[in-house]
PDB file of all heavy atoms in Angstrom:
ATOM      1  N   SER A   1       0.804  -1.215   0.008  1.00  0.00           N
ATOM      2  CA  SER A   1      -0.003  -0.003  -0.003  1.00  0.00           C
ATOM      3  C   SER A   1       0.829   1.278  -0.002  1.00  0.00           C
ATOM      4  O   SER A   1       0.282   2.388  -0.025  1.00  0.00           O
ATOM      5  CB  SER A   1      -0.919   0.003   1.233  1.00  0.00           C
ATOM      6  OG  SER A   1      -0.146   0.109   2.418  1.00  0.00           O
ATOM      7  N   SER A   2       2.176   1.118   0.056  1.00  0.00           N
ATOM      8  CA  SER A   2       3.052   2.274   0.101  1.00  0.00           C
ATOM      9  C   SER A   2       3.025   3.052  -1.222  1.00  0.00           C
ATOM     10  O   SER A   2       2.917   2.445  -2.296  1.00  0.00           O
ATOM     11  CB  SER A   2       4.491   1.835   0.422  1.00  0.00           C
ATOM     12  OG  SER A   2       5.373   2.949   0.407  1.00  0.00           O
ATOM     13  N   TYR A   3       3.153   4.378  -1.155  1.00  0.00           N
ATOM     14  CA  TYR A   3       3.206   5.170  -2.370  1.00  0.00           C
ATOM     15  C   TYR A   3       4.616   5.147  -2.985  1.00  0.00           C
ATOM     16  O   TYR A   3       4.795   5.635  -4.110  1.00  0.00           O
ATOM     17  CB  TYR A   3       2.798   6.617  -2.045  1.00  0.00           C
ATOM     18  CG  TYR A   3       3.768   7.330  -1.118  1.00  0.00           C
ATOM     19  CD1 TYR A   3       4.820   8.109  -1.574  1.00  0.00           C
ATOM     20  CD2 TYR A   3       3.606   7.224   0.283  1.00  0.00           C
ATOM     21  CE1 TYR A   3       5.679   8.755  -0.697  1.00  0.00           C
ATOM     22  CE2 TYR A   3       4.446   7.826   1.161  1.00  0.00           C
ATOM     23  CZ  TYR A   3       5.499   8.620   0.671  1.00  0.00           C
ATOM     24  OH  TYR A   3       6.373   9.238   1.534  1.00  0.00           O
ATOM     25  N   ARG A   4       5.568   4.551  -2.271  1.00  0.00           N
ATOM     26  CA  ARG A   4       6.947   4.437  -2.797  1.00  0.00           C
ATOM     27  C   ARG A   4       7.083   3.153  -3.566  1.00  0.00           C
ATOM     28  O   ARG A   4       6.826   2.061  -3.055  1.00  0.00           O
ATOM     29  CB  ARG A   4       7.963   4.520  -1.674  1.00  0.00           C
ATOM     30  CG  ARG A   4       7.970   5.846  -0.939  1.00  0.00           C
ATOM     31  CD  ARG A   4       9.080   5.850   0.099  1.00  0.00           C
ATOM     32  NE  ARG A   4       9.064   7.091   0.882  1.00  0.00           N
ATOM     33  CZ  ARG A   4       9.915   7.362   1.877  1.00  0.00           C
ATOM     34  NH1 ARG A   4      10.818   6.435   2.232  1.00  0.00           N
ATOM     35  NH2 ARG A   4       9.872   8.527   2.518  1.00  0.00           N
ATOM     36  N   HIS A   5       7.528   3.266  -4.817  1.00  0.00           N
ATOM     37  CA  HIS A   5       7.662   2.091  -5.674  1.00  0.00           C
ATOM     38  C   HIS A   5       8.698   1.087  -5.124  1.00  0.00           C
ATOM     39  O   HIS A   5       8.506  -0.113  -5.222  1.00  0.00           O
ATOM     40  CB  HIS A   5       8.087   2.554  -7.068  1.00  0.00           C
ATOM     41  CG  HIS A   5       8.266   1.397  -8.025  1.00  0.00           C
ATOM     42  ND1 HIS A   5       7.192   0.604  -8.453  1.00  0.00           N
ATOM     43  CD2 HIS A   5       9.373   0.898  -8.660  1.00  0.00           C
ATOM     44  CE1 HIS A   5       7.671  -0.323  -9.249  1.00  0.00           C
ATOM     45  NE2 HIS A   5       8.947  -0.178  -9.403  1.00  0.00           N
ATOM     46  N   GLN A   6       9.763   1.605  -4.518  1.00  0.00           N
ATOM     47  CA  GLN A   6      10.805   0.710  -3.977  1.00  0.00           C
ATOM     48  C   GLN A   6      10.255  -0.183  -2.866  1.00  0.00           C
ATOM     49  O   GLN A   6      10.605  -1.363  -2.782  1.00  0.00           O
ATOM     50  CB  GLN A   6      11.975   1.532  -3.469  1.00  0.00           C
ATOM     51  CG  GLN A   6      12.793   2.217  -4.565  1.00  0.00           C
ATOM     52  CD  GLN A   6      13.940   3.043  -4.000  1.00  0.00           C
ATOM     53  OE1 GLN A   6      13.911   3.448  -2.844  1.00  0.00           O
ATOM     54  NE2 GLN A   6      14.954   3.280  -4.809  1.00  0.00           N
ATOM     55  N   ARG A   7       9.411   0.336  -2.048  1.00  0.00           N
ATOM     56  CA  ARG A   7       8.816  -0.471  -0.963  1.00  0.00           C
ATOM     57  C   ARG A   7       7.874  -1.511  -1.553  1.00  0.00           C
ATOM     58  O   ARG A   7       7.845  -2.651  -1.086  1.00  0.00           O
ATOM     59  CB  ARG A   7       8.059   0.433   0.016  1.00  0.00           C
ATOM     60  CG  ARG A   7       8.956   1.241   0.940  1.00  0.00           C
ATOM     61  CD  ARG A   7       8.130   2.047   1.913  1.00  0.00           C
ATOM     62  NE  ARG A   7       8.950   2.838   2.812  1.00  0.00           N
ATOM     63  CZ  ARG A   7       8.488   3.776   3.658  1.00  0.00           C
ATOM     64  NH1 ARG A   7       7.172   3.996   3.708  1.00  0.00           N
ATOM     65  NH2 ARG A   7       9.301   4.460   4.420  1.00  0.00           N
ATOM     66  N   ARG A   8       7.064  -1.127  -2.539  1.00  0.00           N
ATOM     67  CA  ARG A   8       6.130  -2.074  -3.123  1.00  0.00           C
ATOM     68  C   ARG A   8       6.833  -3.261  -3.761  1.00  0.00           C
ATOM     69  O   ARG A   8       6.299  -4.386  -3.799  1.00  0.00           O
ATOM     70  CB  ARG A   8       5.254  -1.372  -4.164  1.00  0.00           C
ATOM     71  CG  ARG A   8       4.286  -0.347  -3.565  1.00  0.00           C
ATOM     72  CD  ARG A   8       3.172  -0.009  -4.531  1.00  0.00           C
ATOM     73  NE  ARG A   8       3.670   0.528  -5.785  1.00  0.00           N
ATOM     74  CZ  ARG A   8       3.895   1.821  -6.011  1.00  0.00           C
ATOM     75  NH1 ARG A   8       3.692   2.698  -5.039  1.00  0.00           N
ATOM     76  NH2 ARG A   8       4.362   2.223  -7.186  1.00  0.00           N
ATOM     77  N   GLN A   9       8.060  -3.045  -4.244  1.00  0.00           N
ATOM     78  CA  GLN A   9       8.802  -4.132  -4.865  1.00  0.00           C
ATOM     79  C   GLN A   9       9.183  -5.210  -3.856  1.00  0.00           C
ATOM     80  O   GLN A   9       9.436  -6.361  -4.257  1.00  0.00           O
ATOM     81  CB  GLN A   9      10.068  -3.572  -5.539  1.00  0.00           C
ATOM     82  CG  GLN A   9       9.806  -2.843  -6.830  1.00  0.00           C
ATOM     83  CD  GLN A   9      11.098  -2.392  -7.500  1.00  0.00           C
ATOM     84  OE1 GLN A   9      12.009  -1.898  -6.820  1.00  0.00           O
ATOM     85  NE2 GLN A   9      11.161  -2.515  -8.812  1.00  0.00           N
ATOM     86  N   TYR A  10       9.281  -4.872  -2.569  1.00  0.00           N
ATOM     87  CA  TYR A  10       9.603  -5.877  -1.549  1.00  0.00           C
ATOM     88  C   TYR A  10       8.450  -6.866  -1.300  1.00  0.00           C
ATOM     89  O   TYR A  10       8.647  -7.897  -0.695  1.00  0.00           O
ATOM     90  CB  TYR A  10       9.968  -5.199  -0.224  1.00  0.00           C
ATOM     91  CG  TYR A  10      11.338  -4.556  -0.233  1.00  0.00           C
ATOM     92  CD1 TYR A  10      11.494  -3.175  -0.213  1.00  0.00           C
ATOM     93  CD2 TYR A  10      12.489  -5.334  -0.242  1.00  0.00           C
ATOM     94  CE1 TYR A  10      12.749  -2.598  -0.214  1.00  0.00           C
ATOM     95  CE2 TYR A  10      13.750  -4.745  -0.260  1.00  0.00           C
ATOM     96  CZ  TYR A  10      13.875  -3.371  -0.248  1.00  0.00           C
ATOM     97  OH  TYR A  10      15.118  -2.793  -0.260  1.00  0.00           O
ATOM     98  N   SER A  11       7.231  -6.479  -1.737  1.00  0.00           N
ATOM     99  CA  SER A  11       6.108  -7.395  -1.612  1.00  0.00           C
ATOM    100  C   SER A  11       6.150  -8.366  -2.795  1.00  0.00           C
ATOM    101  O   SER A  11       5.612  -8.105  -3.853  1.00  0.00           O
ATOM    102  CB  SER A  11       4.792  -6.582  -1.647  1.00  0.00           C
ATOM    103  OG  SER A  11       3.685  -7.458  -1.635  1.00  0.00           O
ATOM    104  N   SER A  12       6.785  -9.516  -2.575  1.00  0.00           N
ATOM    105  CA  SER A  12       6.947 -10.505  -3.626  1.00  0.00           C
ATOM    106  C   SER A  12       6.808 -11.891  -3.045  1.00  0.00           C
ATOM    107  O   SER A  12       7.031 -12.100  -1.847  1.00  0.00           O
ATOM    108  CB  SER A  12       8.285 -10.326  -4.339  1.00  0.00           C
ATOM    109  OG  SER A  12       9.350 -10.625  -3.462  1.00  0.00           O
ATOM    110  N   LEU A  13       6.475 -12.823  -3.916  1.00  0.00           N
ATOM    111  CA  LEU A  13       6.320 -14.220  -3.459  1.00  0.00           C
ATOM    112  C   LEU A  13       7.683 -14.776  -2.968  1.00  0.00           C
ATOM    113  O   LEU A  13       7.730 -15.528  -2.005  1.00  0.00           O
ATOM    114  CB  LEU A  13       5.784 -15.073  -4.608  1.00  0.00           C
ATOM    115  CG  LEU A  13       5.470 -16.546  -4.261  1.00  0.00           C
ATOM    116  CD1 LEU A  13       4.454 -16.635  -3.149  1.00  0.00           C
ATOM    117  CD2 LEU A  13       4.988 -17.289  -5.514  1.00  0.00           C
ATOM    118  N   LYS A  14       8.755 -14.401  -3.638  1.00  0.00           N
ATOM    119  CA  LYS A  14      10.091 -14.860  -3.241  1.00  0.00           C
ATOM    120  C   LYS A  14      10.422 -14.431  -1.817  1.00  0.00           C
ATOM    121  O   LYS A  14      10.904 -15.214  -0.981  1.00  0.00           O
ATOM    122  CB  LYS A  14      11.135 -14.369  -4.212  1.00  0.00           C
ATOM    123  CG  LYS A  14      12.540 -14.843  -3.889  1.00  0.00           C
ATOM    124  CD  LYS A  14      13.549 -14.314  -4.892  1.00  0.00           C
ATOM    125  CE  LYS A  14      14.990 -14.761  -4.509  1.00  0.00           C
ATOM    126  NZ  LYS A  14      15.971 -14.235  -5.485  1.00  0.00           N
ATOM    127  N   ASN A  15      10.153 -13.135  -1.522  1.00  0.00           N
ATOM    128  CA  ASN A  15      10.437 -12.642  -0.168  1.00  0.00           C
ATOM    129  C   ASN A  15       9.532 -13.283   0.867  1.00  0.00           C
ATOM    130  O   ASN A  15       9.938 -13.512   2.018  1.00  0.00           O
ATOM    131  CB  ASN A  15      10.249 -11.119  -0.137  1.00  0.00           C
ATOM    132  CG  ASN A  15      11.380 -10.364  -0.822  1.00  0.00           C
ATOM    133  OD1 ASN A  15      12.441 -10.906  -1.012  1.00  0.00           O
ATOM    134  ND2 ASN A  15      11.106  -9.140  -1.245  1.00  0.00           N
ATOM    135  N   ALA A  16       8.289 -13.592   0.468  1.00  0.00           N
ATOM    136  CA  ALA A  16       7.378 -14.267   1.395  1.00  0.00           C
ATOM    137  C   ALA A  16       7.896 -15.662   1.714  1.00  0.00           C
ATOM    138  O   ALA A  16       7.831 -16.111   2.867  1.00  0.00           O
ATOM    139  CB  ALA A  16       5.998 -14.328   0.764  1.00  0.00           C
ATOM    140  N   GLN A  17       8.383 -16.363   0.710  1.00  0.00           N
ATOM    141  CA  GLN A  17       8.921 -17.707   0.932  1.00  0.00           C
ATOM    142  C   GLN A  17      10.173 -17.661   1.837  1.00  0.00           C
ATOM    143  O   GLN A  17      10.317 -18.479   2.750  1.00  0.00           O
ATOM    144  CB  GLN A  17       9.256 -18.355  -0.415  1.00  0.00           C
ATOM    145  CG  GLN A  17       8.005 -18.676  -1.248  1.00  0.00           C
ATOM    146  CD  GLN A  17       8.338 -19.058  -2.652  1.00  0.00           C
ATOM    147  OE1 GLN A  17       9.458 -18.815  -3.155  1.00  0.00           O
ATOM    148  NE2 GLN A  17       7.393 -19.662  -3.360  1.00  0.00           N
ATOM    149  N   GLN A  18      11.053 -16.697   1.587  1.00  0.00           N
ATOM    150  CA  GLN A  18      12.248 -16.578   2.418  1.00  0.00           C
ATOM    151  C   GLN A  18      11.890 -16.173   3.829  1.00  0.00           C
ATOM    152  O   GLN A  18      12.492 -16.690   4.795  1.00  0.00           O
ATOM    153  CB  GLN A  18      13.195 -15.524   1.790  1.00  0.00           C
ATOM    154  CG  GLN A  18      13.808 -15.966   0.479  1.00  0.00           C
ATOM    155  CD  GLN A  18      14.654 -14.873  -0.182  1.00  0.00           C
ATOM    156  OE1 GLN A  18      14.589 -13.695   0.222  1.00  0.00           O
ATOM    157  NE2 GLN A  18      15.460 -15.238  -1.162  1.00  0.00           N
ATOM    158  N   GLY A  19      10.903 -15.270   3.995  1.00  0.00           N
ATOM    159  CA  GLY A  19      10.478 -14.876   5.335  1.00  0.00           C
ATOM    160  C   GLY A  19       9.851 -16.052   6.097  1.00  0.00           C
ATOM    161  O   GLY A  19      10.093 -16.188   7.308  1.00  0.00           O
ATOM    162  N   THR A  20       9.118 -16.906   5.399  1.00  0.00           N
ATOM    163  CA  THR A  20       8.516 -18.057   6.030  1.00  0.00           C
ATOM    164  C   THR A  20       9.582 -19.049   6.526  1.00  0.00           C
ATOM    165  O   THR A  20       9.478 -19.564   7.653  1.00  0.00           O
ATOM    166  CB  THR A  20       7.558 -18.782   5.027  1.00  0.00           C
ATOM    167  OG1 THR A  20       6.539 -17.860   4.640  1.00  0.00           O
ATOM    168  CG2 THR A  20       6.949 -20.022   5.658  1.00  0.00           C
ATOM    169  N   ILE A  21      10.567 -19.284   5.688  1.00  0.00           N
ATOM    170  CA  ILE A  21      11.672 -20.194   6.086  1.00  0.00           C
ATOM    171  C   ILE A  21      12.388 -19.654   7.340  1.00  0.00           C
ATOM    172  O   ILE A  21      12.709 -20.397   8.264  1.00  0.00           O
ATOM    173  CB  ILE A  21      12.660 -20.379   4.945  1.00  0.00           C
ATOM    174  CG1 ILE A  21      11.984 -21.142   3.796  1.00  0.00           C
ATOM    175  CG2 ILE A  21      13.885 -21.133   5.393  1.00  0.00           C
ATOM    176  CD1 ILE A  21      12.805 -21.228   2.519  1.00  0.00           C
ATOM    177  N   ALA A  22      12.619 -18.325   7.345  1.00  0.00           N
ATOM    178  CA  ALA A  22      13.296 -17.681   8.492  1.00  0.00           C
ATOM    179  C   ALA A  22      12.459 -17.845   9.772  1.00  0.00           C
ATOM    180  O   ALA A  22      12.982 -18.135  10.836  1.00  0.00           O
ATOM    181  CB  ALA A  22      13.562 -16.208   8.176  1.00  0.00           C
ATOM    182  N   ILE A  23      11.150 -17.667   9.645  1.00  0.00           N
ATOM    183  CA  ILE A  23      10.278 -17.778  10.803  1.00  0.00           C
ATOM    184  C   ILE A  23      10.246 -19.195  11.343  1.00  0.00           C
ATOM    185  O   ILE A  23      10.310 -19.441  12.569  1.00  0.00           O
ATOM    186  CB  ILE A  23       8.847 -17.321  10.452  1.00  0.00           C
ATOM    187  CG1 ILE A  23       8.784 -15.817  10.243  1.00  0.00           C
ATOM    188  CG2 ILE A  23       7.858 -17.739  11.534  1.00  0.00           C
ATOM    189  CD1 ILE A  23       9.132 -14.998  11.496  1.00  0.00           C
ATOM    190  N   ILE A  24      10.241 -20.189  10.453  1.00  0.00           N
ATOM    191  CA  ILE A  24      10.240 -21.587  10.896  1.00  0.00           C
ATOM    192  C   ILE A  24      11.521 -21.914  11.633  1.00  0.00           C
ATOM    193  O   ILE A  24      11.492 -22.565  12.697  1.00  0.00           O
ATOM    194  CB  ILE A  24      10.091 -22.509   9.647  1.00  0.00           C
ATOM    195  CG1 ILE A  24       8.676 -22.367   9.061  1.00  0.00           C
ATOM    196  CG2 ILE A  24      10.301 -23.984  10.038  1.00  0.00           C
ATOM    197  CD1 ILE A  24       8.485 -23.089   7.763  1.00  0.00           C
ATOM    198  N   ILE A  25      12.639 -21.471  11.119  1.00  0.00           N
ATOM    199  CA  ILE A  25      13.940 -21.734  11.777  1.00  0.00           C
ATOM    200  C   ILE A  25      14.016 -21.031  13.112  1.00  0.00           C
ATOM    201  O   ILE A  25      14.403 -21.646  14.137  1.00  0.00           O
ATOM    202  CB  ILE A  25      15.105 -21.291  10.851  1.00  0.00           C
ATOM    203  CG1 ILE A  25      15.136 -22.171   9.586  1.00  0.00           C
ATOM    204  CG2 ILE A  25      16.424 -21.400  11.570  1.00  0.00           C
ATOM    205  CD1 ILE A  25      16.152 -21.711   8.555  1.00  0.00           C
ATOM    206  N   LEU A  26      13.654 -19.758  13.168  1.00  0.00           N
ATOM    207  CA  LEU A  26      13.745 -18.991  14.415  1.00  0.00           C
ATOM    208  C   LEU A  26      12.783 -19.526  15.478  1.00  0.00           C
ATOM    209  O   LEU A  26      13.125 -19.573  16.654  1.00  0.00           O
ATOM    210  CB  LEU A  26      13.470 -17.515  14.129  1.00  0.00           C
ATOM    211  CG  LEU A  26      14.522 -16.776  13.302  1.00  0.00           C
ATOM    212  CD1 LEU A  26      14.068 -15.350  12.983  1.00  0.00           C
ATOM    213  CD2 LEU A  26      15.854 -16.724  14.058  1.00  0.00           C
ATOM    214  N   SER A  27      11.589 -19.924  15.060  1.00  0.00           N
ATOM    215  CA  SER A  27      10.626 -20.449  16.017  1.00  0.00           C
ATOM    216  C   SER A  27      11.096 -21.787  16.596  1.00  0.00           C
ATOM    217  O   SER A  27      10.935 -22.040  17.800  1.00  0.00           O
ATOM    218  CB  SER A  27       9.254 -20.652  15.337  1.00  0.00           C
ATOM    219  OG  SER A  27       8.724 -19.400  14.914  1.00  0.00           O
ATOM    220  N   SER A  28      11.705 -22.596  15.770  1.00  0.00           N
ATOM    221  CA  SER A  28      12.237 -23.896  16.251  1.00  0.00           C
ATOM    222  C   SER A  28      13.378 -23.652  17.254  1.00  0.00           C
ATOM    223  O   SER A  28      13.459 -24.350  18.277  1.00  0.00           O
ATOM    224  CB  SER A  28      12.723 -24.738  15.074  1.00  0.00           C
ATOM    225  OG  SER A  28      11.686 -24.996  14.172  1.00  0.00           O
ATOM    226  N   PHE A  29      14.220 -22.694  16.927  1.00  0.00           N
ATOM    227  CA  PHE A  29      15.348 -22.366  17.830  1.00  0.00           C
ATOM    228  C   PHE A  29      14.816 -21.746  19.124  1.00  0.00           C
ATOM    229  O   PHE A  29      15.328 -22.022  20.211  1.00  0.00           O
ATOM    230  CB  PHE A  29      16.291 -21.389  17.131  1.00  0.00           C
ATOM    231  CG  PHE A  29      17.434 -20.925  17.991  1.00  0.00           C
ATOM    232  CD1 PHE A  29      18.500 -21.724  18.241  1.00  0.00           C
ATOM    233  CD2 PHE A  29      17.405 -19.654  18.589  1.00  0.00           C
ATOM    234  CE1 PHE A  29      19.566 -21.312  19.043  1.00  0.00           C
ATOM    235  CE2 PHE A  29      18.437 -19.230  19.396  1.00  0.00           C
ATOM    236  CZ  PHE A  29      19.535 -20.060  19.636  1.00  0.00           C
ATOM    237  N   LEU A  30      13.769 -20.951  19.020  1.00  0.00           N
ATOM    238  CA  LEU A  30      13.223 -20.244  20.170  1.00  0.00           C
ATOM    239  C   LEU A  30      12.695 -21.206  21.229  1.00  0.00           C
ATOM    240  O   LEU A  30      12.865 -20.965  22.444  1.00  0.00           O
ATOM    241  CB  LEU A  30      12.078 -19.327  19.712  1.00  0.00           C
ATOM    242  CG  LEU A  30      11.387 -18.444  20.776  1.00  0.00           C
ATOM    243  CD1 LEU A  30      12.364 -17.372  21.268  1.00  0.00           C
ATOM    244  CD2 LEU A  30      10.147 -17.795  20.182  1.00  0.00           C
ATOM    245  N   TYR A  31      12.138 -22.352  20.806  1.00  0.00           N
ATOM    246  CA  TYR A  31      11.527 -23.279  21.725  1.00  0.00           C
ATOM    247  C   TYR A  31      12.288 -24.583  21.888  1.00  0.00           C
ATOM    248  O   TYR A  31      11.770 -25.575  22.420  1.00  0.00           O
ATOM    249  CB  TYR A  31      10.106 -23.615  21.281  1.00  0.00           C
ATOM    250  CG  TYR A  31       9.140 -22.484  21.591  1.00  0.00           C
ATOM    251  CD1 TYR A  31       8.617 -21.684  20.587  1.00  0.00           C
ATOM    252  CD2 TYR A  31       8.741 -22.231  22.909  1.00  0.00           C
ATOM    253  CE1 TYR A  31       7.730 -20.651  20.867  1.00  0.00           C
ATOM    254  CE2 TYR A  31       7.857 -21.196  23.203  1.00  0.00           C
ATOM    255  CZ  TYR A  31       7.360 -20.428  22.185  1.00  0.00           C
ATOM    256  OH  TYR A  31       6.504 -19.394  22.462  1.00  0.00           O
ATOM    257  N   CYS A  32      13.553 -24.603  21.468  1.00  0.00           N
ATOM    258  CA  CYS A  32      14.361 -25.814  21.660  1.00  0.00           C
ATOM    259  C   CYS A  32      14.569 -26.127  23.131  1.00  0.00           C
ATOM    260  O   CYS A  32      14.779 -27.287  23.529  1.00  0.00           O
ATOM    261  CB  CYS A  32      15.699 -25.692  20.928  1.00  0.00           C
ATOM    262  SG  CYS A  32      16.750 -24.362  21.531  1.00  0.00           S
ATOM    263  N   GLN A  33      14.484 -25.083  23.996  1.00  0.00           N
ATOM    264  CA  GLN A  33      14.613 -25.325  25.439  1.00  0.00           C
ATOM    265  C   GLN A  33      13.471 -26.153  26.027  1.00  0.00           C
ATOM    266  O   GLN A  33      13.597 -26.718  27.095  1.00  0.00           O
ATOM    267  CB  GLN A  33      14.741 -23.966  26.175  1.00  0.00           C
ATOM    268  CG  GLN A  33      13.844 -22.851  25.680  1.00  0.00           C
ATOM    269  CD  GLN A  33      12.450 -22.861  26.276  1.00  0.00           C
ATOM    270  OE1 GLN A  33      12.206 -23.506  27.302  1.00  0.00           O
ATOM    271  NE2 GLN A  33      11.531 -22.160  25.684  1.00  0.00           N
ATOM    272  N   VAL A  34      12.349 -26.216  25.282  1.00  0.00           N
ATOM    273  CA  VAL A  34      11.204 -26.996  25.769  1.00  0.00           C
ATOM    274  C   VAL A  34      11.569 -28.483  25.852  1.00  0.00           C
ATOM    275  O   VAL A  34      11.102 -29.213  26.721  1.00  0.00           O
ATOM    276  CB  VAL A  34       9.997 -26.798  24.813  1.00  0.00           C
ATOM    277  CG1 VAL A  34       8.878 -27.787  25.117  1.00  0.00           C
ATOM    278  CG2 VAL A  34       9.470 -25.365  24.963  1.00  0.00           C
ATOM    279  N   LEU A  35      12.457 -28.948  24.952  1.00  0.00           N
ATOM    280  CA  LEU A  35      12.863 -30.342  24.959  1.00  0.00           C
ATOM    281  C   LEU A  35      13.583 -30.738  26.268  1.00  0.00           C
ATOM    282  O   LEU A  35      13.591 -31.907  26.617  1.00  0.00           O
ATOM    283  CB  LEU A  35      13.749 -30.625  23.765  1.00  0.00           C
ATOM    284  CG  LEU A  35      13.093 -30.404  22.385  1.00  0.00           C
ATOM    285  CD1 LEU A  35      14.115 -30.595  21.280  1.00  0.00           C
ATOM    286  CD2 LEU A  35      11.911 -31.352  22.192  1.00  0.00           C
ATOM    287  N   TYR A  36      14.154 -29.757  26.948  1.00  0.00           N
ATOM    288  CA  TYR A  36      14.747 -30.006  28.241  1.00  0.00           C
ATOM    289  C   TYR A  36      13.799 -29.663  29.384  1.00  0.00           C
ATOM    290  O   TYR A  36      13.655 -30.432  30.340  1.00  0.00           O
ATOM    291  CB  TYR A  36      16.022 -29.191  28.399  1.00  0.00           C
ATOM    292  CG  TYR A  36      16.546 -29.155  29.826  1.00  0.00           C
ATOM    293  CD1 TYR A  36      17.203 -30.241  30.387  1.00  0.00           C
ATOM    294  CD2 TYR A  36      16.303 -28.036  30.631  1.00  0.00           C
ATOM    295  CE1 TYR A  36      17.623 -30.233  31.710  1.00  0.00           C
ATOM    296  CE2 TYR A  36      16.742 -28.011  31.969  1.00  0.00           C
ATOM    297  CZ  TYR A  36      17.410 -29.123  32.485  1.00  0.00           C
ATOM    298  OH  TYR A  36      17.839 -29.100  33.784  1.00  0.00           O
ATOM    299  N   CYS A  37      13.109 -28.529  29.238  1.00  0.00           N
ATOM    300  CA  CYS A  37      12.316 -27.988  30.357  1.00  0.00           C
ATOM    301  C   CYS A  37      11.059 -28.784  30.662  1.00  0.00           C
ATOM    302  O   CYS A  37      10.710 -28.968  31.843  1.00  0.00           O
ATOM    303  CB  CYS A  37      11.987 -26.529  30.076  1.00  0.00           C
ATOM    304  SG  CYS A  37      13.345 -25.397  30.371  1.00  0.00           S
ATOM    305  N   TYR A  38      10.372 -29.231  29.649  1.00  0.00           N
ATOM    306  CA  TYR A  38       9.085 -29.878  29.896  1.00  0.00           C
ATOM    307  C   TYR A  38       9.262 -31.310  30.338  1.00  0.00           C
ATOM    308  O   TYR A  38      10.177 -32.021  29.935  1.00  0.00           O
ATOM    309  CB  TYR A  38       8.224 -29.840  28.627  1.00  0.00           C
ATOM    310  CG  TYR A  38       7.270 -28.663  28.579  1.00  0.00           C
ATOM    311  CD1 TYR A  38       7.774 -27.348  28.662  1.00  0.00           C
ATOM    312  CD2 TYR A  38       5.917 -28.830  28.496  1.00  0.00           C
ATOM    313  CE1 TYR A  38       6.918 -26.269  28.589  1.00  0.00           C
ATOM    314  CE2 TYR A  38       5.032 -27.763  28.467  1.00  0.00           C
ATOM    315  CZ  TYR A  38       5.561 -26.476  28.510  1.00  0.00           C
ATOM    316  OH  TYR A  38       4.705 -25.398  28.491  1.00  0.00           O
ATOM    317  N   ASP A  39       8.348 -31.725  31.234  1.00  0.00           N
ATOM    318  CA  ASP A  39       8.368 -33.097  31.747  1.00  0.00           C
ATOM    319  C   ASP A  39       6.948 -33.507  32.117  1.00  0.00           C
ATOM    320  O   ASP A  39       6.083 -32.645  32.333  1.00  0.00           O
ATOM    321  CB  ASP A  39       9.308 -33.210  32.949  1.00  0.00           C
ATOM    322  CG  ASP A  39       9.841 -34.632  33.100  1.00  0.00           C
ATOM    323  OD1 ASP A  39       9.362 -35.546  32.386  1.00  0.00           O
ATOM    324  OD2 ASP A  39      10.752 -34.822  33.936  1.00  0.00           O
ATOM    325  N   ALA A  40       6.739 -34.779  32.203  1.00  0.00           N
ATOM    326  CA  ALA A  40       5.401 -35.307  32.550  1.00  0.00           C
ATOM    327  C   ALA A  40       5.259 -35.455  34.077  1.00  0.00           C
ATOM    328  O   ALA A  40       6.242 -35.319  34.823  1.00  0.00           O
ATOM    329  CB  ALA A  40       5.180 -36.634  31.851  1.00  0.00           C
ATOM    330  N   ASN A  41       4.066 -35.770  34.502  1.00  0.00           N
ATOM    331  CA  ASN A  41       3.724 -36.050  35.907  1.00  0.00           C
ATOM    332  C   ASN A  41       4.004 -34.861  36.847  1.00  0.00           C
ATOM    333  O   ASN A  41       4.436 -35.042  37.976  1.00  0.00           O
ATOM    334  CB  ASN A  41       4.509 -37.270  36.392  1.00  0.00           C
ATOM    335  CG  ASN A  41       4.126 -38.542  35.646  1.00  0.00           C
ATOM    336  OD1 ASN A  41       2.944 -38.870  35.556  1.00  0.00           O
ATOM    337  ND2 ASN A  41       5.125 -39.213  35.127  1.00  0.00           N
TER     338      ASN A  41
END
């Protein structure tokens, strides 16, 4: 929605795919401590 053409160019499927991969990796890293911290009973 930006009036600047340079900003509108960042809205692309390629950038969306790269952003999704980054979020998946960072989210997995963010909660890796759960594998140690969580326990049953």
